Amino acid sequence: MKETNSTQGRGIITRLANLTMLIGGHEQRRLSLPMSLWMFLLTKKTLSEAGKEYDLEFNPEAATSYDFSGKGAFAGYQQLMTDGPRFTLNIPNRHCSEQLIFYACLGPM
């Protein structure tokens, strides 16, 4: 997968879109997930529900569900920032046989 350099504005979207990609536990690169996915996460669904919608597989040992919907959106974001990288997204890579494992890389606000 190529590293993307999309312009995503500032604030929550930009911070959440910055992920560290680990391939086989060795190579690390910075990339951004589609803006539509992050908008979906922030405005409509929990991470688990978004995973179903986008065909993502969550690591059950590391997964934590954060609800970004409605009035709890900011509280959900604050909790995510407090907890740090507690979940992974396993996203099948259509260009090679191995799965790419994305770990949220979120620092303090």
PDB file of N, CA and C in Angstrom:
ATOM      1  N   MET A   1       0.833  -1.179   0.000  1.00  0.00           N
ATOM      2  CA  MET A   1       0.000   0.000   0.000  1.00  0.00           C
ATOM      3  C   MET A   1       0.875   1.238   0.000  1.00  0.00           C
ATOM      4  N   LYS A   2       0.436   2.231  -0.720  1.00  0.00           N
ATOM      5  CA  LYS A   2       1.206   3.466  -0.781  1.00  0.00           C
ATOM      6  C   LYS A   2       0.812   4.376   0.368  1.00  0.00           C
ATOM      7  N   GLU A   3       1.758   5.158   0.794  1.00  0.00           N
ATOM      8  CA  GLU A   3       1.488   6.144   1.832  1.00  0.00           C
ATOM      9  C   GLU A   3       0.655   7.265   1.221  1.00  0.00           C
ATOM     10  N   THR A   4      -0.371   7.668   1.914  1.00  0.00           N
ATOM     11  CA  THR A   4      -1.242   8.709   1.377  1.00  0.00           C
ATOM     12  C   THR A   4      -0.951  10.035   2.053  1.00  0.00           C
ATOM     13  N   ASN A   5      -1.141  11.099   1.317  1.00  0.00           N
ATOM     14  CA  ASN A   5      -0.926  12.441   1.847  1.00  0.00           C
ATOM     15  C   ASN A   5      -2.152  13.300   1.584  1.00  0.00           C
ATOM     16  N   SER A   6      -3.307  12.854   2.037  1.00  0.00           N
ATOM     17  CA  SER A   6      -4.526  13.617   1.792  1.00  0.00           C
ATOM     18  C   SER A   6      -4.616  14.782   2.770  1.00  0.00           C
ATOM     19  N   THR A   7      -5.232  15.852   2.309  1.00  0.00           N
ATOM     20  CA  THR A   7      -5.435  16.996   3.190  1.00  0.00           C
ATOM     21  C   THR A   7      -6.705  16.755   3.974  1.00  0.00           C
ATOM     22  N   GLN A   8      -6.589  16.692   5.281  1.00  0.00           N
ATOM     23  CA  GLN A   8      -7.735  16.316   6.093  1.00  0.00           C
ATOM     24  C   GLN A   8      -8.110  17.357   7.132  1.00  0.00           C
ATOM     25  N   GLY A   9      -7.556  18.557   7.029  1.00  0.00           N
ATOM     26  CA  GLY A   9      -7.912  19.567   8.007  1.00  0.00           C
ATOM     27  C   GLY A   9      -7.209  19.345   9.328  1.00  0.00           C
ATOM     28  N   ARG A  10      -7.719  19.996  10.364  1.00  0.00           N
ATOM     29  CA  ARG A  10      -7.088  19.926  11.676  1.00  0.00           C
ATOM     30  C   ARG A  10      -7.997  19.260  12.684  1.00  0.00           C
ATOM     31  N   GLY A  11      -7.483  19.085  13.874  1.00  0.00           N
ATOM     32  CA  GLY A  11      -8.303  18.606  14.969  1.00  0.00           C
ATOM     33  C   GLY A  11      -8.462  17.108  15.019  1.00  0.00           C
ATOM     34  N   ILE A  12      -9.643  16.692  15.452  1.00  0.00           N
ATOM     35  CA  ILE A  12      -9.900  15.281  15.725  1.00  0.00           C
ATOM     36  C   ILE A  12      -9.666  14.407  14.508  1.00  0.00           C
ATOM     37  N   ILE A  13     -10.203  14.806  13.352  1.00  0.00           N
ATOM     38  CA  ILE A  13     -10.075  13.973  12.159  1.00  0.00           C
ATOM     39  C   ILE A  13      -8.611  13.726  11.835  1.00  0.00           C
ATOM     40  N   THR A  14      -7.816  14.778  11.845  1.00  0.00           N
ATOM     41  CA  THR A  14      -6.398  14.635  11.521  1.00  0.00           C
ATOM     42  C   THR A  14      -5.698  13.731  12.522  1.00  0.00           C
ATOM     43  N   ARG A  15      -5.987  13.908  13.808  1.00  0.00           N
ATOM     44  CA  ARG A  15      -5.314  13.104  14.824  1.00  0.00           C
ATOM     45  C   ARG A  15      -5.699  11.639  14.711  1.00  0.00           C
ATOM     46  N   LEU A  16      -6.962  11.369  14.472  1.00  0.00           N
ATOM     47  CA  LEU A  16      -7.398   9.979  14.371  1.00  0.00           C
ATOM     48  C   LEU A  16      -6.920   9.329  13.083  1.00  0.00           C
ATOM     49  N   ALA A  17      -6.713  10.136  12.049  1.00  0.00           N
ATOM     50  CA  ALA A  17      -6.317   9.567  10.766  1.00  0.00           C
ATOM     51  C   ALA A  17      -4.837   9.196  10.725  1.00  0.00           C
ATOM     52  N   ASN A  18      -4.058   9.688  11.669  1.00  0.00           N
ATOM     53  CA  ASN A  18      -2.642   9.346  11.706  1.00  0.00           C
ATOM     54  C   ASN A  18      -2.452   8.007  12.400  1.00  0.00           C
ATOM     55  N   LEU A  19      -2.115   7.000  11.629  1.00  0.00           N
ATOM     56  CA  LEU A  19      -1.943   5.653  12.168  1.00  0.00           C
ATOM     57  C   LEU A  19      -0.549   5.145  11.882  1.00  0.00           C
ATOM     58  N   THR A  20      -0.091   4.263  12.719  1.00  0.00           N
ATOM     59  CA  THR A  20       1.159   3.580  12.455  1.00  0.00           C
ATOM     60  C   THR A  20       0.817   2.212  11.888  1.00  0.00           C
ATOM     61  N   MET A  21       1.383   1.893  10.760  1.00  0.00           N
ATOM     62  CA  MET A  21       1.100   0.609  10.130  1.00  0.00           C
ATOM     63  C   MET A  21       2.263  -0.341  10.382  1.00  0.00           C
ATOM     64  N   LEU A  22       1.971  -1.476  10.946  1.00  0.00           N
ATOM     65  CA  LEU A  22       2.982  -2.490  11.173  1.00  0.00           C
ATOM     66  C   LEU A  22       2.721  -3.658  10.231  1.00  0.00           C
ATOM     67  N   ILE A  23       3.671  -3.980   9.404  1.00  0.00           N
ATOM     68  CA  ILE A  23       3.533  -5.115   8.497  1.00  0.00           C
ATOM     69  C   ILE A  23       4.465  -6.204   8.995  1.00  0.00           C
ATOM     70  N   GLY A  24       3.894  -7.294   9.453  1.00  0.00           N
ATOM     71  CA  GLY A  24       4.705  -8.381   9.970  1.00  0.00           C
ATOM     72  C   GLY A  24       5.512  -7.987  11.193  1.00  0.00           C
ATOM     73  N   GLY A  25       5.111  -6.931  11.873  1.00  0.00           N
ATOM     74  CA  GLY A  25       5.785  -6.500  13.080  1.00  0.00           C
ATOM     75  C   GLY A  25       7.109  -5.796  12.850  1.00  0.00           C
ATOM     76  N   HIS A  26       7.462  -5.524  11.605  1.00  0.00           N
ATOM     77  CA  HIS A  26       8.771  -4.948  11.327  1.00  0.00           C
ATOM     78  C   HIS A  26       8.679  -3.547  10.720  1.00  0.00           C
ATOM     79  N   GLU A  27       8.082  -3.448   9.560  1.00  0.00           N
ATOM     80  CA  GLU A  27       8.065  -2.181   8.832  1.00  0.00           C
ATOM     81  C   GLU A  27       7.007  -1.245   9.406  1.00  0.00           C
ATOM     82  N   GLN A  28       7.356   0.001   9.567  1.00  0.00           N
ATOM     83  CA  GLN A  28       6.407   1.001  10.048  1.00  0.00           C
ATOM     84  C   GLN A  28       6.337   2.160   9.060  1.00  0.00           C
ATOM     85  N   ARG A  29       5.117   2.552   8.721  1.00  0.00           N
ATOM     86  CA  ARG A  29       4.915   3.702   7.845  1.00  0.00           C
ATOM     87  C   ARG A  29       3.730   4.492   8.357  1.00  0.00           C
ATOM     88  N   ARG A  30       3.673   5.770   7.990  1.00  0.00           N
ATOM     89  CA  ARG A  30       2.529   6.596   8.342  1.00  0.00           C
ATOM     90  C   ARG A  30       1.548   6.595   7.177  1.00  0.00           C
ATOM     91  N   LEU A  31       0.273   6.529   7.480  1.00  0.00           N
ATOM     92  CA  LEU A  31      -0.719   6.610   6.417  1.00  0.00           C
ATOM     93  C   LEU A  31      -2.013   7.153   6.973  1.00  0.00           C
ATOM     94  N   SER A  32      -2.932   7.443   6.098  1.00  0.00           N
ATOM     95  CA  SER A  32      -4.243   7.938   6.504  1.00  0.00           C
ATOM     96  C   SER A  32      -5.314   7.014   5.963  1.00  0.00           C
ATOM     97  N   LEU A  33      -6.293   6.720   6.799  1.00  0.00           N
ATOM     98  CA  LEU A  33      -7.461   5.995   6.325  1.00  0.00           C
ATOM     99  C   LEU A  33      -8.385   7.002   5.651  1.00  0.00           C
ATOM    100  N   PRO A  34      -9.316   6.516   4.839  1.00  0.00           N
ATOM    101  CA  PRO A  34     -10.210   7.437   4.129  1.00  0.00           C
ATOM    102  C   PRO A  34     -10.984   8.342   5.091  1.00  0.00           C
ATOM    103  N   MET A  35     -11.134   9.587   4.701  1.00  0.00           N
ATOM    104  CA  MET A  35     -11.892  10.543   5.498  1.00  0.00           C
ATOM    105  C   MET A  35     -13.292  10.009   5.786  1.00  0.00           C
ATOM    106  N   SER A  36     -13.891   9.326   4.818  1.00  0.00           N
ATOM    107  CA  SER A  36     -15.249   8.815   4.999  1.00  0.00           C
ATOM    108  C   SER A  36     -15.317   7.822   6.153  1.00  0.00           C
ATOM    109  N   LEU A  37     -14.260   7.034   6.340  1.00  0.00           N
ATOM    110  CA  LEU A  37     -14.249   6.065   7.434  1.00  0.00           C
ATOM    111  C   LEU A  37     -14.196   6.783   8.777  1.00  0.00           C
ATOM    112  N   TRP A  38     -13.334   7.805   8.879  1.00  0.00           N
ATOM    113  CA  TRP A  38     -13.237   8.518  10.150  1.00  0.00           C
ATOM    114  C   TRP A  38     -14.499   9.316  10.445  1.00  0.00           C
ATOM    115  N   MET A  39     -15.123   9.902   9.421  1.00  0.00           N
ATOM    116  CA  MET A  39     -16.387  10.604   9.638  1.00  0.00           C
ATOM    117  C   MET A  39     -17.440   9.615  10.118  1.00  0.00           C
ATOM    118  N   PHE A  40     -17.413   8.422   9.557  1.00  0.00           N
ATOM    119  CA  PHE A  40     -18.346   7.375   9.969  1.00  0.00           C
ATOM    120  C   PHE A  40     -18.123   7.029  11.439  1.00  0.00           C
ATOM    121  N   LEU A  41     -16.862   6.866  11.820  1.00  0.00           N
ATOM    122  CA  LEU A  41     -16.543   6.530  13.204  1.00  0.00           C
ATOM    123  C   LEU A  41     -16.976   7.632  14.167  1.00  0.00           C
ATOM    124  N   LEU A  42     -16.756   8.878  13.767  1.00  0.00           N
ATOM    125  CA  LEU A  42     -16.989   9.991  14.677  1.00  0.00           C
ATOM    126  C   LEU A  42     -18.452  10.392  14.791  1.00  0.00           C
ATOM    127  N   THR A  43     -19.230  10.141  13.761  1.00  0.00           N
ATOM    128  CA  THR A  43     -20.583  10.687  13.760  1.00  0.00           C
ATOM    129  C   THR A  43     -21.698   9.661  13.848  1.00  0.00           C
ATOM    130  N   LYS A  44     -21.422   8.402  13.539  1.00  0.00           N
ATOM    131  CA  LYS A  44     -22.542   7.481  13.431  1.00  0.00           C
ATOM    132  C   LYS A  44     -22.460   6.235  14.292  1.00  0.00           C
ATOM    133  N   LYS A  45     -21.285   5.637  14.392  1.00  0.00           N
ATOM    134  CA  LYS A  45     -21.244   4.291  14.939  1.00  0.00           C
ATOM    135  C   LYS A  45     -20.150   4.106  15.977  1.00  0.00           C
ATOM    136  N   THR A  46     -20.229   3.001  16.673  1.00  0.00           N
ATOM    137  CA  THR A  46     -19.104   2.582  17.495  1.00  0.00           C
ATOM    138  C   THR A  46     -18.080   1.941  16.575  1.00  0.00           C
ATOM    139  N   LEU A  47     -16.878   1.710  17.071  1.00  0.00           N
ATOM    140  CA  LEU A  47     -15.845   1.081  16.251  1.00  0.00           C
ATOM    141  C   LEU A  47     -16.279  -0.296  15.775  1.00  0.00           C
ATOM    142  N   SER A  48     -16.945  -1.058  16.636  1.00  0.00           N
ATOM    143  CA  SER A  48     -17.381  -2.399  16.248  1.00  0.00           C
ATOM    144  C   SER A  48     -18.382  -2.343  15.099  1.00  0.00           C
ATOM    145  N   GLU A  49     -19.336  -1.427  15.182  1.00  0.00           N
ATOM    146  CA  GLU A  49     -20.324  -1.297  14.115  1.00  0.00           C
ATOM    147  C   GLU A  49     -19.680  -0.824  12.824  1.00  0.00           C
ATOM    148  N   ALA A  50     -18.729   0.099  12.942  1.00  0.00           N
ATOM    149  CA  ALA A  50     -18.021   0.579  11.760  1.00  0.00           C
ATOM    150  C   ALA A  50     -17.226  -0.551  11.126  1.00  0.00           C
ATOM    151  N   GLY A  51     -16.690  -1.441  11.954  1.00  0.00           N
ATOM    152  CA  GLY A  51     -15.949  -2.583  11.440  1.00  0.00           C
ATOM    153  C   GLY A  51     -16.812  -3.453  10.552  1.00  0.00           C
ATOM    154  N   LYS A  52     -18.060  -3.660  10.959  1.00  0.00           N
ATOM    155  CA  LYS A  52     -18.979  -4.456  10.140  1.00  0.00           C
ATOM    156  C   LYS A  52     -19.289  -3.744   8.828  1.00  0.00           C
ATOM    157  N   GLU A  53     -19.512  -2.445   8.916  1.00  0.00           N
ATOM    158  CA  GLU A  53     -19.865  -1.666   7.734  1.00  0.00           C
ATOM    159  C   GLU A  53     -18.735  -1.632   6.715  1.00  0.00           C
ATOM    160  N   TYR A  54     -17.498  -1.520   7.209  1.00  0.00           N
ATOM    161  CA  TYR A  54     -16.348  -1.399   6.319  1.00  0.00           C
ATOM    162  C   TYR A  54     -15.588  -2.707   6.146  1.00  0.00           C
ATOM    163  N   ASP A  55     -16.157  -3.813   6.620  1.00  0.00           N
ATOM    164  CA  ASP A  55     -15.534  -5.124   6.483  1.00  0.00           C
ATOM    165  C   ASP A  55     -14.149  -5.146   7.136  1.00  0.00           C
ATOM    166  N   LEU A  56     -14.070  -4.587   8.337  1.00  0.00           N
ATOM    167  CA  LEU A  56     -12.825  -4.603   9.092  1.00  0.00           C
ATOM    168  C   LEU A  56     -12.931  -5.660  10.183  1.00  0.00           C
ATOM    169  N   GLU A  57     -11.821  -6.268  10.507  1.00  0.00           N
ATOM    170  CA  GLU A  57     -11.807  -7.280  11.553  1.00  0.00           C
ATOM    171  C   GLU A  57     -11.052  -6.731  12.757  1.00  0.00           C
ATOM    172  N   PHE A  58     -11.710  -6.712  13.918  1.00  0.00           N
ATOM    173  CA  PHE A  58     -11.074  -6.185  15.112  1.00  0.00           C
ATOM    174  C   PHE A  58     -10.429  -7.307  15.908  1.00  0.00           C
ATOM    175  N   ASN A  59      -9.245  -7.061  16.411  1.00  0.00           N
ATOM    176  CA  ASN A  59      -8.557  -8.009  17.276  1.00  0.00           C
ATOM    177  C   ASN A  59      -9.307  -8.048  18.601  1.00  0.00           C
ATOM    178  N   PRO A  60      -9.957  -9.176  18.939  1.00  0.00           N
ATOM    179  CA  PRO A  60     -10.796  -9.215  20.139  1.00  0.00           C
ATOM    180  C   PRO A  60     -10.016  -9.022  21.435  1.00  0.00           C
ATOM    181  N   GLU A  61      -8.723  -9.365  21.433  1.00  0.00           N
ATOM    182  CA  GLU A  61      -7.932  -9.219  22.649  1.00  0.00           C
ATOM    183  C   GLU A  61      -7.559  -7.762  22.901  1.00  0.00           C
ATOM    184  N   ALA A  62      -7.486  -6.977  21.839  1.00  0.00           N
ATOM    185  CA  ALA A  62      -7.054  -5.593  21.989  1.00  0.00           C
ATOM    186  C   ALA A  62      -8.179  -4.595  21.760  1.00  0.00           C
ATOM    187  N   ALA A  63      -9.305  -5.062  21.236  1.00  0.00           N
ATOM    188  CA  ALA A  63     -10.367  -4.149  20.813  1.00  0.00           C
ATOM    189  C   ALA A  63     -11.087  -3.508  21.994  1.00  0.00           C
ATOM    190  N   THR A  64     -11.369  -2.251  21.846  1.00  0.00           N
ATOM    191  CA  THR A  64     -12.203  -1.521  22.785  1.00  0.00           C
ATOM    192  C   THR A  64     -13.195  -0.725  21.953  1.00  0.00           C
ATOM    193  N   SER A  65     -14.454  -0.784  22.325  1.00  0.00           N
ATOM    194  CA  SER A  65     -15.465  -0.072  21.560  1.00  0.00           C
ATOM    195  C   SER A  65     -15.687   1.315  22.153  1.00  0.00           C
ATOM    196  N   TYR A  66     -15.553   2.326  21.312  1.00  0.00           N
ATOM    197  CA  TYR A  66     -15.791   3.702  21.737  1.00  0.00           C
ATOM    198  C   TYR A  66     -16.992   4.242  20.975  1.00  0.00           C
ATOM    199  N   ASP A  67     -17.923   4.817  21.699  1.00  0.00           N
ATOM    200  CA  ASP A  67     -19.129   5.338  21.068  1.00  0.00           C
ATOM    201  C   ASP A  67     -18.949   6.824  20.779  1.00  0.00           C
ATOM    202  N   PHE A  68     -18.878   7.165  19.484  1.00  0.00           N
ATOM    203  CA  PHE A  68     -18.694   8.554  19.087  1.00  0.00           C
ATOM    204  C   PHE A  68     -20.004   9.188  18.634  1.00  0.00           C
ATOM    205  N   SER A  69     -21.121   8.532  18.908  1.00  0.00           N
ATOM    206  CA  SER A  69     -22.392   9.034  18.397  1.00  0.00           C
ATOM    207  C   SER A  69     -23.017  10.063  19.341  1.00  0.00           C
ATOM    208  N   GLY A  70     -23.814  10.926  18.770  1.00  0.00           N
ATOM    209  CA  GLY A  70     -24.623  11.865  19.540  1.00  0.00           C
ATOM    210  C   GLY A  70     -23.855  12.749  20.502  1.00  0.00           C
ATOM    211  N   LYS A  71     -24.453  12.985  21.663  1.00  0.00           N
ATOM    212  CA  LYS A  71     -23.879  13.900  22.646  1.00  0.00           C
ATOM    213  C   LYS A  71     -22.607  13.346  23.283  1.00  0.00           C
ATOM    214  N   GLY A  72     -22.388  12.043  23.166  1.00  0.00           N
ATOM    215  CA  GLY A  72     -21.214  11.437  23.781  1.00  0.00           C
ATOM    216  C   GLY A  72     -19.981  11.456  22.913  1.00  0.00           C
ATOM    217  N   ALA A  73     -20.052  12.139  21.773  1.00  0.00           N
ATOM    218  CA  ALA A  73     -18.940  12.109  20.821  1.00  0.00           C
ATOM    219  C   ALA A  73     -17.645  12.625  21.435  1.00  0.00           C
ATOM    220  N   PHE A  74     -17.696  13.780  22.067  1.00  0.00           N
ATOM    221  CA  PHE A  74     -16.469  14.348  22.627  1.00  0.00           C
ATOM    222  C   PHE A  74     -15.963  13.501  23.790  1.00  0.00           C
ATOM    223  N   ALA A  75     -16.880  13.021  24.627  1.00  0.00           N
ATOM    224  CA  ALA A  75     -16.489  12.158  25.742  1.00  0.00           C
ATOM    225  C   ALA A  75     -15.846  10.881  25.220  1.00  0.00           C
ATOM    226  N   GLY A  76     -16.378  10.353  24.135  1.00  0.00           N
ATOM    227  CA  GLY A  76     -15.801   9.156  23.525  1.00  0.00           C
ATOM    228  C   GLY A  76     -14.398   9.412  23.028  1.00  0.00           C
ATOM    229  N   TYR A  77     -14.198  10.574  22.426  1.00  0.00           N
ATOM    230  CA  TYR A  77     -12.875  10.932  21.930  1.00  0.00           C
ATOM    231  C   TYR A  77     -11.906  11.109  23.092  1.00  0.00           C
ATOM    232  N   GLN A  78     -12.357  11.781  24.162  1.00  0.00           N
ATOM    233  CA  GLN A  78     -11.510  11.976  25.340  1.00  0.00           C
ATOM    234  C   GLN A  78     -11.106  10.631  25.936  1.00  0.00           C
ATOM    235  N   GLN A  79     -12.041   9.693  26.008  1.00  0.00           N
ATOM    236  CA  GLN A  79     -11.747   8.368  26.551  1.00  0.00           C
ATOM    237  C   GLN A  79     -10.729   7.649  25.681  1.00  0.00           C
ATOM    238  N   LEU A  80     -10.883   7.779  24.373  1.00  0.00           N
ATOM    239  CA  LEU A  80      -9.944   7.149  23.447  1.00  0.00           C
ATOM    240  C   LEU A  80      -8.547   7.734  23.628  1.00  0.00           C
ATOM    241  N   MET A  81      -8.460   9.046  23.785  1.00  0.00           N
ATOM    242  CA  MET A  81      -7.165   9.679  23.968  1.00  0.00           C
ATOM    243  C   MET A  81      -6.538   9.271  25.298  1.00  0.00           C
ATOM    244  N   THR A  82      -7.376   9.072  26.308  1.00  0.00           N
ATOM    245  CA  THR A  82      -6.883   8.665  27.622  1.00  0.00           C
ATOM    246  C   THR A  82      -6.385   7.227  27.601  1.00  0.00           C
ATOM    247  N   ASP A  83      -7.141   6.363  26.969  1.00  0.00           N
ATOM    248  CA  ASP A  83      -6.798   4.942  26.934  1.00  0.00           C
ATOM    249  C   ASP A  83      -5.603   4.650  26.041  1.00  0.00           C
ATOM    250  N   GLY A  84      -5.448   5.459  24.994  1.00  0.00           N
ATOM    251  CA  GLY A  84      -4.339   5.221  24.080  1.00  0.00           C
ATOM    252  C   GLY A  84      -4.608   4.062  23.136  1.00  0.00           C
ATOM    253  N   PRO A  85      -3.549   3.469  22.605  1.00  0.00           N
ATOM    254  CA  PRO A  85      -3.699   2.438  21.563  1.00  0.00           C
ATOM    255  C   PRO A  85      -4.155   1.104  22.130  1.00  0.00           C
ATOM    256  N   ARG A  86      -5.461   0.984  22.359  1.00  0.00           N
ATOM    257  CA  ARG A  86      -6.009  -0.233  22.943  1.00  0.00           C
ATOM    258  C   ARG A  86      -6.710  -1.128  21.932  1.00  0.00           C
ATOM    259  N   PHE A  87      -6.728  -0.745  20.676  1.00  0.00           N
ATOM    260  CA  PHE A  87      -7.426  -1.574  19.700  1.00  0.00           C
ATOM    261  C   PHE A  87      -6.618  -1.675  18.421  1.00  0.00           C
ATOM    262  N   THR A  88      -6.900  -2.706  17.648  1.00  0.00           N
ATOM    263  CA  THR A  88      -6.256  -2.859  16.348  1.00  0.00           C
ATOM    264  C   THR A  88      -7.317  -3.078  15.288  1.00  0.00           C
ATOM    265  N   LEU A  89      -7.007  -2.701  14.065  1.00  0.00           N
ATOM    266  CA  LEU A  89      -7.865  -2.977  12.924  1.00  0.00           C
ATOM    267  C   LEU A  89      -7.099  -3.904  11.994  1.00  0.00           C
ATOM    268  N   ASN A  90      -7.658  -5.053  11.712  1.00  0.00           N
ATOM    269  CA  ASN A  90      -7.052  -5.939  10.727  1.00  0.00           C
ATOM    270  C   ASN A  90      -7.750  -5.702   9.399  1.00  0.00           C
ATOM    271  N   ILE A  91      -7.058  -5.091   8.472  1.00  0.00           N
ATOM    272  CA  ILE A  91      -7.652  -4.735   7.191  1.00  0.00           C
ATOM    273  C   ILE A  91      -7.013  -5.566   6.092  1.00  0.00           C
ATOM    274  N   PRO A  92      -7.786  -6.435   5.437  1.00  0.00           N
ATOM    275  CA  PRO A  92      -7.211  -7.269   4.377  1.00  0.00           C
ATOM    276  C   PRO A  92      -6.601  -6.407   3.279  1.00  0.00           C
ATOM    277  N   ASN A  93      -5.388  -6.755   2.889  1.00  0.00           N
ATOM    278  CA  ASN A  93      -4.696  -6.023   1.836  1.00  0.00           C
ATOM    279  C   ASN A  93      -4.935  -6.735   0.516  1.00  0.00           C
ATOM    280  N   ARG A  94      -5.523  -6.042  -0.436  1.00  0.00           N
ATOM    281  CA  ARG A  94      -5.839  -6.665  -1.714  1.00  0.00           C
ATOM    282  C   ARG A  94      -4.610  -6.818  -2.599  1.00  0.00           C
ATOM    283  N   HIS A  95      -3.476  -6.257  -2.192  1.00  0.00           N
ATOM    284  CA  HIS A  95      -2.292  -6.283  -3.036  1.00  0.00           C
ATOM    285  C   HIS A  95      -1.258  -7.316  -2.602  1.00  0.00           C
ATOM    286  N   CYS A  96      -1.456  -7.954  -1.472  1.00  0.00           N
ATOM    287  CA  CYS A  96      -0.527  -9.003  -1.056  1.00  0.00           C
ATOM    288  C   CYS A  96      -1.264  -9.988  -0.164  1.00  0.00           C
ATOM    289  N   SER A  97      -0.622 -11.075   0.179  1.00  0.00           N
ATOM    290  CA  SER A  97      -1.299 -12.147   0.891  1.00  0.00           C
ATOM    291  C   SER A  97      -1.429 -11.890   2.391  1.00  0.00           C
ATOM    292  N   GLU A  98      -0.574 -11.030   2.940  1.00  0.00           N
ATOM    293  CA  GLU A  98      -0.627 -10.812   4.380  1.00  0.00           C
ATOM    294  C   GLU A  98      -1.606  -9.712   4.749  1.00  0.00           C
ATOM    295  N   GLN A  99      -2.116  -9.784   5.964  1.00  0.00           N
ATOM    296  CA  GLN A  99      -3.011  -8.738   6.440  1.00  0.00           C
ATOM    297  C   GLN A  99      -2.195  -7.599   7.021  1.00  0.00           C
ATOM    298  N   LEU A 100      -2.709  -6.417   6.849  1.00  0.00           N
ATOM    299  CA  LEU A 100      -2.076  -5.252   7.445  1.00  0.00           C
ATOM    300  C   LEU A 100      -2.752  -4.986   8.781  1.00  0.00           C
ATOM    301  N   ILE A 101      -1.964  -4.811   9.797  1.00  0.00           N
ATOM    302  CA  ILE A 101      -2.512  -4.559  11.122  1.00  0.00           C
ATOM    303  C   ILE A 101      -2.253  -3.106  11.490  1.00  0.00           C
ATOM    304  N   PHE A 102      -3.315  -2.388  11.725  1.00  0.00           N
ATOM    305  CA  PHE A 102      -3.211  -0.971  12.030  1.00  0.00           C
ATOM    306  C   PHE A 102      -3.402  -0.756  13.531  1.00  0.00           C
ATOM    307  N   TYR A 103      -2.457  -0.112  14.130  1.00  0.00           N
ATOM    308  CA  TYR A 103      -2.589   0.241  15.539  1.00  0.00           C
ATOM    309  C   TYR A 103      -2.832   1.745  15.634  1.00  0.00           C
ATOM    310  N   ALA A 104      -3.817   2.121  16.402  1.00  0.00           N
ATOM    311  CA  ALA A 104      -4.061   3.553  16.578  1.00  0.00           C
ATOM    312  C   ALA A 104      -2.868   4.166  17.289  1.00  0.00           C
ATOM    313  N   CYS A 105      -2.389   5.240  16.751  1.00  0.00           N
ATOM    314  CA  CYS A 105      -1.250   5.924  17.344  1.00  0.00           C
ATOM    315  C   CYS A 105      -1.717   7.306  17.777  1.00  0.00           C
ATOM    316  N   LEU A 106      -2.210   7.401  18.991  1.00  0.00           N
ATOM    317  CA  LEU A 106      -2.832   8.630  19.452  1.00  0.00           C
ATOM    318  C   LEU A 106      -2.101   9.174  20.668  1.00  0.00           C
ATOM    319  N   GLY A 107      -1.586  10.389  20.537  1.00  0.00           N
ATOM    320  CA  GLY A 107      -0.891  11.015  21.649  1.00  0.00           C
ATOM    321  C   GLY A 107      -1.829  11.897  22.444  1.00  0.00           C
ATOM    322  N   PRO A 108      -1.312  12.533  23.476  1.00  0.00           N
ATOM    323  CA  PRO A 108      -2.153  13.427  24.276  1.00  0.00           C
ATOM    324  C   PRO A 108      -2.597  14.640  23.463  1.00  0.00           C
ATOM    325  N   MET A 109      -3.729  15.202  23.822  1.00  0.00           N
ATOM    326  CA  MET A 109      -4.252  16.362  23.108  1.00  0.00           C
ATOM    327  C   MET A 109      -3.372  17.567  23.364  1.00  0.00           C
TER     328      MET A 109
END
